Amino acid sequence: MAVLFIDLDRFREVNDSFGHRIGDALLMKAAKRLSNCVRETDAVARLGGDEFTIILNGINNQSCVEAIIQTILLMSFPRKIVFQG
């Protein structure tokens, strides 16, 4: 098993600049992107604020954990999150 802790940098700026409605939408999109990077047997949870935890079940190999981390870094957050309306 592996446990990952993720904190979204500068999230407070989003809430302060655009309001909590947009901040909440950003958190939901971030959670969806994180969920799309892991297996169905893994768990993604929001701890509070802008902090997420991912539990990777049944992983005994460090290279598998590193591959998932790379997927998260490359696929989740370099892309812009666009809001409509």
PDB file of N, CA and C in Angstrom:
ATOM      1  N   MET A   1       0.844  -1.174   0.000  1.00  0.00           N
ATOM      2  CA  MET A   1       0.000   0.000   0.000  1.00  0.00           C
ATOM      3  C   MET A   1       0.890   1.237   0.000  1.00  0.00           C
ATOM      4  N   ALA A   2       0.405   2.278  -0.659  1.00  0.00           N
ATOM      5  CA  ALA A   2       1.093   3.569  -0.653  1.00  0.00           C
ATOM      6  C   ALA A   2       0.056   4.658  -0.397  1.00  0.00           C
ATOM      7  N   VAL A   3       0.472   5.708   0.302  1.00  0.00           N
ATOM      8  CA  VAL A   3      -0.410   6.837   0.583  1.00  0.00           C
ATOM      9  C   VAL A   3       0.264   8.096   0.032  1.00  0.00           C
ATOM     10  N   LEU A   4      -0.481   8.831  -0.781  1.00  0.00           N
ATOM     11  CA  LEU A   4       0.016  10.070  -1.366  1.00  0.00           C
ATOM     12  C   LEU A   4      -0.757  11.240  -0.767  1.00  0.00           C
ATOM     13  N   PHE A   5      -0.051  12.314  -0.465  1.00  0.00           N
ATOM     14  CA  PHE A   5      -0.687  13.538   0.014  1.00  0.00           C
ATOM     15  C   PHE A   5      -0.463  14.622  -1.036  1.00  0.00           C
ATOM     16  N   ILE A   6      -1.536  15.289  -1.419  1.00  0.00           N
ATOM     17  CA  ILE A   6      -1.469  16.297  -2.475  1.00  0.00           C
ATOM     18  C   ILE A   6      -2.088  17.595  -1.949  1.00  0.00           C
ATOM     19  N   ASP A   7      -1.386  18.690  -2.150  1.00  0.00           N
ATOM     20  CA  ASP A   7      -1.867  20.004  -1.757  1.00  0.00           C
ATOM     21  C   ASP A   7      -1.876  20.884  -3.007  1.00  0.00           C
ATOM     22  N   LEU A   8      -2.979  21.553  -3.274  1.00  0.00           N
ATOM     23  CA  LEU A   8      -3.063  22.434  -4.439  1.00  0.00           C
ATOM     24  C   LEU A   8      -2.477  23.792  -4.089  1.00  0.00           C
ATOM     25  N   ASP A   9      -1.382  24.150  -4.749  1.00  0.00           N
ATOM     26  CA  ASP A   9      -0.725  25.428  -4.493  1.00  0.00           C
ATOM     27  C   ASP A   9      -1.616  26.589  -4.919  1.00  0.00           C
ATOM     28  N   ARG A  10      -1.589  27.637  -4.134  1.00  0.00           N
ATOM     29  CA  ARG A  10      -2.269  28.905  -4.418  1.00  0.00           C
ATOM     30  C   ARG A  10      -3.781  28.771  -4.576  1.00  0.00           C
ATOM     31  N   PHE A  11      -4.373  27.749  -3.975  1.00  0.00           N
ATOM     32  CA  PHE A  11      -5.821  27.580  -4.078  1.00  0.00           C
ATOM     33  C   PHE A  11      -6.561  28.750  -3.421  1.00  0.00           C
ATOM     34  N   ARG A  12      -6.025  29.267  -2.344  1.00  0.00           N
ATOM     35  CA  ARG A  12      -6.677  30.390  -1.654  1.00  0.00           C
ATOM     36  C   ARG A  12      -6.863  31.582  -2.589  1.00  0.00           C
ATOM     37  N   GLU A  13      -5.916  31.771  -3.503  1.00  0.00           N
ATOM     38  CA  GLU A  13      -6.024  32.866  -4.469  1.00  0.00           C
ATOM     39  C   GLU A  13      -7.265  32.706  -5.346  1.00  0.00           C
ATOM     40  N   VAL A  14      -7.618  31.469  -5.667  1.00  0.00           N
ATOM     41  CA  VAL A  14      -8.818  31.212  -6.474  1.00  0.00           C
ATOM     42  C   VAL A  14     -10.048  31.651  -5.696  1.00  0.00           C
ATOM     43  N   ASN A  15     -10.162  31.212  -4.450  1.00  0.00           N
ATOM     44  CA  ASN A  15     -11.311  31.603  -3.626  1.00  0.00           C
ATOM     45  C   ASN A  15     -11.373  33.113  -3.432  1.00  0.00           C
ATOM     46  N   ASP A  16     -10.238  33.730  -3.160  1.00  0.00           N
ATOM     47  CA  ASP A  16     -10.212  35.168  -2.917  1.00  0.00           C
ATOM     48  C   ASP A  16     -10.545  35.966  -4.176  1.00  0.00           C
ATOM     49  N   SER A  17     -10.106  35.485  -5.332  1.00  0.00           N
ATOM     50  CA  SER A  17     -10.301  36.228  -6.580  1.00  0.00           C
ATOM     51  C   SER A  17     -11.640  35.943  -7.249  1.00  0.00           C
ATOM     52  N   PHE A  18     -12.099  34.706  -7.177  1.00  0.00           N
ATOM     53  CA  PHE A  18     -13.270  34.305  -7.953  1.00  0.00           C
ATOM     54  C   PHE A  18     -14.449  33.841  -7.101  1.00  0.00           C
ATOM     55  N   GLY A  19     -14.252  33.672  -5.815  1.00  0.00           N
ATOM     56  CA  GLY A  19     -15.333  33.265  -4.929  1.00  0.00           C
ATOM     57  C   GLY A  19     -15.347  31.771  -4.656  1.00  0.00           C
ATOM     58  N   HIS A  20     -16.111  31.407  -3.633  1.00  0.00           N
ATOM     59  CA  HIS A  20     -16.153  30.016  -3.193  1.00  0.00           C
ATOM     60  C   HIS A  20     -16.861  29.101  -4.191  1.00  0.00           C
ATOM     61  N   ARG A  21     -17.799  29.609  -4.960  1.00  0.00           N
ATOM     62  CA  ARG A  21     -18.482  28.772  -5.955  1.00  0.00           C
ATOM     63  C   ARG A  21     -17.482  28.249  -6.981  1.00  0.00           C
ATOM     64  N   ILE A  22     -16.622  29.117  -7.461  1.00  0.00           N
ATOM     65  CA  ILE A  22     -15.595  28.695  -8.424  1.00  0.00           C
ATOM     66  C   ILE A  22     -14.568  27.815  -7.730  1.00  0.00           C
ATOM     67  N   GLY A  23     -14.204  28.161  -6.494  1.00  0.00           N
ATOM     68  CA  GLY A  23     -13.262  27.326  -5.741  1.00  0.00           C
ATOM     69  C   GLY A  23     -13.783  25.919  -5.551  1.00  0.00           C
ATOM     70  N   ASP A  24     -15.063  25.780  -5.217  1.00  0.00           N
ATOM     71  CA  ASP A  24     -15.667  24.454  -5.061  1.00  0.00           C
ATOM     72  C   ASP A  24     -15.671  23.689  -6.372  1.00  0.00           C
ATOM     73  N   ALA A  25     -15.966  24.388  -7.467  1.00  0.00           N
ATOM     74  CA  ALA A  25     -15.953  23.733  -8.785  1.00  0.00           C
ATOM     75  C   ALA A  25     -14.543  23.264  -9.140  1.00  0.00           C
ATOM     76  N   LEU A  26     -13.544  24.082  -8.796  1.00  0.00           N
ATOM     77  CA  LEU A  26     -12.151  23.700  -9.044  1.00  0.00           C
ATOM     78  C   LEU A  26     -11.787  22.434  -8.266  1.00  0.00           C
ATOM     79  N   LEU A  27     -12.197  22.376  -7.002  1.00  0.00           N
ATOM     80  CA  LEU A  27     -11.916  21.188  -6.192  1.00  0.00           C
ATOM     81  C   LEU A  27     -12.575  19.939  -6.775  1.00  0.00           C
ATOM     82  N   MET A  28     -13.785  20.065  -7.273  1.00  0.00           N
ATOM     83  CA  MET A  28     -14.466  18.915  -7.876  1.00  0.00           C
ATOM     84  C   MET A  28     -13.759  18.461  -9.145  1.00  0.00           C
ATOM     85  N   LYS A  29     -13.312  19.414  -9.952  1.00  0.00           N
ATOM     86  CA  LYS A  29     -12.581  19.046 -11.176  1.00  0.00           C
ATOM     87  C   LYS A  29     -11.235  18.413 -10.828  1.00  0.00           C
ATOM     88  N   ALA A  30     -10.570  18.935  -9.820  1.00  0.00           N
ATOM     89  CA  ALA A  30      -9.289  18.360  -9.393  1.00  0.00           C
ATOM     90  C   ALA A  30      -9.489  16.931  -8.900  1.00  0.00           C
ATOM     91  N   ALA A  31     -10.533  16.710  -8.105  1.00  0.00           N
ATOM     92  CA  ALA A  31     -10.817  15.359  -7.606  1.00  0.00           C
ATOM     93  C   ALA A  31     -11.095  14.408  -8.759  1.00  0.00           C
ATOM     94  N   LYS A  32     -11.818  14.859  -9.755  1.00  0.00           N
ATOM     95  CA  LYS A  32     -12.124  14.012 -10.917  1.00  0.00           C
ATOM     96  C   LYS A  32     -10.841  13.664 -11.675  1.00  0.00           C
ATOM     97  N   ARG A  33      -9.983  14.654 -11.866  1.00  0.00           N
ATOM     98  CA  ARG A  33      -8.722  14.393 -12.564  1.00  0.00           C
ATOM     99  C   ARG A  33      -7.858  13.403 -11.785  1.00  0.00           C
ATOM    100  N   LEU A  34      -7.801  13.568 -10.478  1.00  0.00           N
ATOM    101  CA  LEU A  34      -7.023  12.629  -9.667  1.00  0.00           C
ATOM    102  C   LEU A  34      -7.608  11.226  -9.761  1.00  0.00           C
ATOM    103  N   SER A  35      -8.911  11.120  -9.681  1.00  0.00           N
ATOM    104  CA  SER A  35      -9.576   9.812  -9.766  1.00  0.00           C
ATOM    105  C   SER A  35      -9.308   9.132 -11.096  1.00  0.00           C
ATOM    106  N   ASN A  36      -9.214   9.923 -12.155  1.00  0.00           N
ATOM    107  CA  ASN A  36      -8.952   9.362 -13.480  1.00  0.00           C
ATOM    108  C   ASN A  36      -7.528   8.838 -13.632  1.00  0.00           C
ATOM    109  N   CYS A  37      -6.642   9.187 -12.717  1.00  0.00           N
ATOM    110  CA  CYS A  37      -5.236   8.774 -12.797  1.00  0.00           C
ATOM    111  C   CYS A  37      -4.937   7.495 -12.019  1.00  0.00           C
ATOM    112  N   VAL A  38      -5.879   7.047 -11.224  1.00  0.00           N
ATOM    113  CA  VAL A  38      -5.622   5.869 -10.394  1.00  0.00           C
ATOM    114  C   VAL A  38      -6.555   4.737 -10.790  1.00  0.00           C
ATOM    115  N   ARG A  39      -6.310   3.583 -10.212  1.00  0.00           N
ATOM    116  CA  ARG A  39      -7.103   2.395 -10.525  1.00  0.00           C
ATOM    117  C   ARG A  39      -8.418   2.410  -9.752  1.00  0.00           C
ATOM    118  N   GLU A  40      -9.350   1.605 -10.172  1.00  0.00           N
ATOM    119  CA  GLU A  40     -10.644   1.521  -9.486  1.00  0.00           C
ATOM    120  C   GLU A  40     -10.500   1.026  -8.055  1.00  0.00           C
ATOM    121  N   THR A  41      -9.452   0.280  -7.774  1.00  0.00           N
ATOM    122  CA  THR A  41      -9.240  -0.259  -6.427  1.00  0.00           C
ATOM    123  C   THR A  41      -8.605   0.750  -5.469  1.00  0.00           C
ATOM    124  N   ASP A  42      -8.177   1.902  -5.982  1.00  0.00           N
ATOM    125  CA  ASP A  42      -7.555   2.935  -5.173  1.00  0.00           C
ATOM    126  C   ASP A  42      -8.611   3.913  -4.669  1.00  0.00           C
ATOM    127  N   ALA A  43      -8.238   4.737  -3.711  1.00  0.00           N
ATOM    128  CA  ALA A  43      -9.172   5.705  -3.140  1.00  0.00           C
ATOM    129  C   ALA A  43      -8.592   7.108  -3.210  1.00  0.00           C
ATOM    130  N   VAL A  44      -9.434   8.053  -3.609  1.00  0.00           N
ATOM    131  CA  VAL A  44      -9.079   9.469  -3.619  1.00  0.00           C
ATOM    132  C   VAL A  44     -10.031  10.161  -2.657  1.00  0.00           C
ATOM    133  N   ALA A  45      -9.472  10.936  -1.725  1.00  0.00           N
ATOM    134  CA  ALA A  45     -10.312  11.625  -0.742  1.00  0.00           C
ATOM    135  C   ALA A  45      -9.797  13.037  -0.519  1.00  0.00           C
ATOM    136  N   ARG A  46     -10.724  13.937  -0.329  1.00  0.00           N
ATOM    137  CA  ARG A  46     -10.359  15.306   0.039  1.00  0.00           C
ATOM    138  C   ARG A  46     -10.331  15.385   1.553  1.00  0.00           C
ATOM    139  N   LEU A  47      -9.200  15.805   2.088  1.00  0.00           N
ATOM    140  CA  LEU A  47      -9.057  15.916   3.542  1.00  0.00           C
ATOM    141  C   LEU A  47      -9.703  17.191   4.059  1.00  0.00           C
ATOM    142  N   GLY A  48      -9.642  18.218   3.281  1.00  0.00           N
ATOM    143  CA  GLY A  48     -10.181  19.510   3.673  1.00  0.00           C
ATOM    144  C   GLY A  48      -9.422  20.596   2.961  1.00  0.00           C
ATOM    145  N   GLY A  49     -10.039  21.729   2.792  1.00  0.00           N
ATOM    146  CA  GLY A  49      -9.374  22.814   2.084  1.00  0.00           C
ATOM    147  C   GLY A  49      -8.946  22.359   0.706  1.00  0.00           C
ATOM    148  N   ASP A  50      -7.664  22.443   0.459  1.00  0.00           N
ATOM    149  CA  ASP A  50      -7.117  22.070  -0.850  1.00  0.00           C
ATOM    150  C   ASP A  50      -6.235  20.831  -0.769  1.00  0.00           C
ATOM    151  N   GLU A  51      -6.462  19.985   0.225  1.00  0.00           N
ATOM    152  CA  GLU A  51      -5.632  18.798   0.447  1.00  0.00           C
ATOM    153  C   GLU A  51      -6.380  17.521   0.073  1.00  0.00           C
ATOM    154  N   PHE A  52      -5.679  16.683  -0.674  1.00  0.00           N
ATOM    155  CA  PHE A  52      -6.213  15.391  -1.078  1.00  0.00           C
ATOM    156  C   PHE A  52      -5.278  14.280  -0.614  1.00  0.00           C
ATOM    157  N   THR A  53      -5.843  13.111  -0.393  1.00  0.00           N
ATOM    158  CA  THR A  53      -5.072  11.914  -0.103  1.00  0.00           C
ATOM    159  C   THR A  53      -5.476  10.851  -1.106  1.00  0.00           C
ATOM    160  N   ILE A  54      -4.497  10.106  -1.574  1.00  0.00           N
ATOM    161  CA  ILE A  54      -4.755   8.971  -2.456  1.00  0.00           C
ATOM    162  C   ILE A  54      -4.176   7.736  -1.790  1.00  0.00           C
ATOM    163  N   ILE A  55      -4.985   6.710  -1.665  1.00  0.00           N
ATOM    164  CA  ILE A  55      -4.520   5.428  -1.132  1.00  0.00           C
ATOM    165  C   ILE A  55      -4.424   4.457  -2.294  1.00  0.00           C
ATOM    166  N   LEU A  56      -3.213   3.985  -2.552  1.00  0.00           N
ATOM    167  CA  LEU A  56      -2.960   3.011  -3.615  1.00  0.00           C
ATOM    168  C   LEU A  56      -2.910   1.634  -2.965  1.00  0.00           C
ATOM    169  N   ASN A  57      -3.966   0.876  -3.158  1.00  0.00           N
ATOM    170  CA  ASN A  57      -4.083  -0.443  -2.533  1.00  0.00           C
ATOM    171  C   ASN A  57      -3.315  -1.507  -3.305  1.00  0.00           C
ATOM    172  N   GLY A  58      -2.721  -2.417  -2.586  1.00  0.00           N
ATOM    173  CA  GLY A  58      -2.105  -3.591  -3.200  1.00  0.00           C
ATOM    174  C   GLY A  58      -0.869  -3.312  -4.028  1.00  0.00           C
ATOM    175  N   ILE A  59      -0.187  -2.224  -3.755  1.00  0.00           N
ATOM    176  CA  ILE A  59       1.046  -1.919  -4.492  1.00  0.00           C
ATOM    177  C   ILE A  59       2.227  -2.234  -3.587  1.00  0.00           C
ATOM    178  N   ASN A  60       3.105  -3.095  -4.075  1.00  0.00           N
ATOM    179  CA  ASN A  60       4.303  -3.466  -3.327  1.00  0.00           C
ATOM    180  C   ASN A  60       5.573  -3.024  -4.028  1.00  0.00           C
ATOM    181  N   ASN A  61       5.422  -2.402  -5.178  1.00  0.00           N
ATOM    182  CA  ASN A  61       6.554  -2.066  -6.022  1.00  0.00           C
ATOM    183  C   ASN A  61       6.672  -0.548  -6.128  1.00  0.00           C
ATOM    184  N   GLN A  62       7.799  -0.019  -5.731  1.00  0.00           N
ATOM    185  CA  GLN A  62       8.012   1.423  -5.758  1.00  0.00           C
ATOM    186  C   GLN A  62       7.900   1.989  -7.163  1.00  0.00           C
ATOM    187  N   SER A  63       8.317   1.257  -8.170  1.00  0.00           N
ATOM    188  CA  SER A  63       8.247   1.779  -9.539  1.00  0.00           C
ATOM    189  C   SER A  63       6.796   1.955  -9.993  1.00  0.00           C
ATOM    190  N   CYS A  64       5.881   1.134  -9.495  1.00  0.00           N
ATOM    191  CA  CYS A  64       4.453   1.308  -9.810  1.00  0.00           C
ATOM    192  C   CYS A  64       3.916   2.588  -9.179  1.00  0.00           C
ATOM    193  N   VAL A  65       4.322   2.849  -7.941  1.00  0.00           N
ATOM    194  CA  VAL A  65       3.909   4.080  -7.261  1.00  0.00           C
ATOM    195  C   VAL A  65       4.459   5.285  -8.022  1.00  0.00           C
ATOM    196  N   GLU A  66       5.711   5.227  -8.404  1.00  0.00           N
ATOM    197  CA  GLU A  66       6.322   6.330  -9.142  1.00  0.00           C
ATOM    198  C   GLU A  66       5.624   6.563 -10.473  1.00  0.00           C
ATOM    199  N   ALA A  67       5.205   5.498 -11.144  1.00  0.00           N
ATOM    200  CA  ALA A  67       4.492   5.637 -12.420  1.00  0.00           C
ATOM    201  C   ALA A  67       3.152   6.340 -12.225  1.00  0.00           C
ATOM    202  N   ILE A  68       2.450   6.016 -11.156  1.00  0.00           N
ATOM    203  CA  ILE A  68       1.174   6.670 -10.879  1.00  0.00           C
ATOM    204  C   ILE A  68       1.394   8.143 -10.541  1.00  0.00           C
ATOM    205  N   ILE A  69       2.430   8.431  -9.762  1.00  0.00           N
ATOM    206  CA  ILE A  69       2.746   9.826  -9.440  1.00  0.00           C
ATOM    207  C   ILE A  69       3.056  10.611 -10.713  1.00  0.00           C
ATOM    208  N   GLN A  70       3.832  10.027 -11.603  1.00  0.00           N
ATOM    209  CA  GLN A  70       4.138  10.689 -12.870  1.00  0.00           C
ATOM    210  C   GLN A  70       2.876  10.933 -13.687  1.00  0.00           C
ATOM    211  N   THR A  71       1.967   9.973 -13.690  1.00  0.00           N
ATOM    212  CA  THR A  71       0.702  10.146 -14.395  1.00  0.00           C
ATOM    213  C   THR A  71      -0.071  11.328 -13.813  1.00  0.00           C
ATOM    214  N   ILE A  72      -0.117  11.409 -12.498  1.00  0.00           N
ATOM    215  CA  ILE A  72      -0.819  12.521 -11.845  1.00  0.00           C
ATOM    216  C   ILE A  72      -0.173  13.853 -12.231  1.00  0.00           C
ATOM    217  N   LEU A  73       1.146  13.919 -12.162  1.00  0.00           N
ATOM    218  CA  LEU A  73       1.840  15.166 -12.471  1.00  0.00           C
ATOM    219  C   LEU A  73       1.694  15.569 -13.933  1.00  0.00           C
ATOM    220  N   LEU A  74       1.752  14.605 -14.822  1.00  0.00           N
ATOM    221  CA  LEU A  74       1.710  14.912 -16.247  1.00  0.00           C
ATOM    222  C   LEU A  74       0.291  15.101 -16.785  1.00  0.00           C
ATOM    223  N   MET A  75      -0.656  14.363 -16.236  1.00  0.00           N
ATOM    224  CA  MET A  75      -1.994  14.354 -16.817  1.00  0.00           C
ATOM    225  C   MET A  75      -3.009  15.228 -16.081  1.00  0.00           C
ATOM    226  N   SER A  76      -2.790  15.504 -14.824  1.00  0.00           N
ATOM    227  CA  SER A  76      -3.827  16.178 -14.050  1.00  0.00           C
ATOM    228  C   SER A  76      -3.723  17.687 -14.028  1.00  0.00           C
ATOM    229  N   PHE A  77      -2.581  18.211 -13.676  1.00  0.00           N
ATOM    230  CA  PHE A  77      -2.556  19.619 -13.335  1.00  0.00           C
ATOM    231  C   PHE A  77      -1.800  20.541 -14.266  1.00  0.00           C
ATOM    232  N   PRO A  78      -0.991  20.068 -15.196  1.00  0.00           N
ATOM    233  CA  PRO A  78      -0.423  21.030 -16.141  1.00  0.00           C
ATOM    234  C   PRO A  78      -1.487  21.616 -17.070  1.00  0.00           C
ATOM    235  N   ARG A  79      -2.570  20.874 -17.265  1.00  0.00           N
ATOM    236  CA  ARG A  79      -3.643  21.366 -18.137  1.00  0.00           C
ATOM    237  C   ARG A  79      -4.477  22.394 -17.390  1.00  0.00           C
ATOM    238  N   LYS A  80      -4.957  23.358 -18.135  1.00  0.00           N
ATOM    239  CA  LYS A  80      -5.822  24.377 -17.550  1.00  0.00           C
ATOM    240  C   LYS A  80      -7.165  23.777 -17.203  1.00  0.00           C
ATOM    241  N   ILE A  81      -7.768  24.296 -16.174  1.00  0.00           N
ATOM    242  CA  ILE A  81      -9.141  23.963 -15.842  1.00  0.00           C
ATOM    243  C   ILE A  81      -9.992  25.145 -16.263  1.00  0.00           C
ATOM    244  N   VAL A  82     -10.919  24.887 -17.178  1.00  0.00           N
ATOM    245  CA  VAL A  82     -11.736  25.937 -17.757  1.00  0.00           C
ATOM    246  C   VAL A  82     -13.141  25.869 -17.170  1.00  0.00           C
ATOM    247  N   PHE A  83     -13.683  27.014 -16.804  1.00  0.00           N
ATOM    248  CA  PHE A  83     -15.036  27.090 -16.278  1.00  0.00           C
ATOM    249  C   PHE A  83     -15.924  27.794 -17.277  1.00  0.00           C
ATOM    250  N   GLN A  84     -17.128  27.301 -17.448  1.00  0.00           N
ATOM    251  CA  GLN A  84     -18.083  27.951 -18.340  1.00  0.00           C
ATOM    252  C   GLN A  84     -19.155  28.622 -17.518  1.00  0.00           C
ATOM    253  N   GLY A  85     -19.606  29.756 -17.985  1.00  0.00           N
ATOM    254  CA  GLY A  85     -20.699  30.459 -17.316  1.00  0.00           C
ATOM    255  C   GLY A  85     -20.198  31.416 -16.388  1.00  0.00           C
TER     256      GLY A  85
END
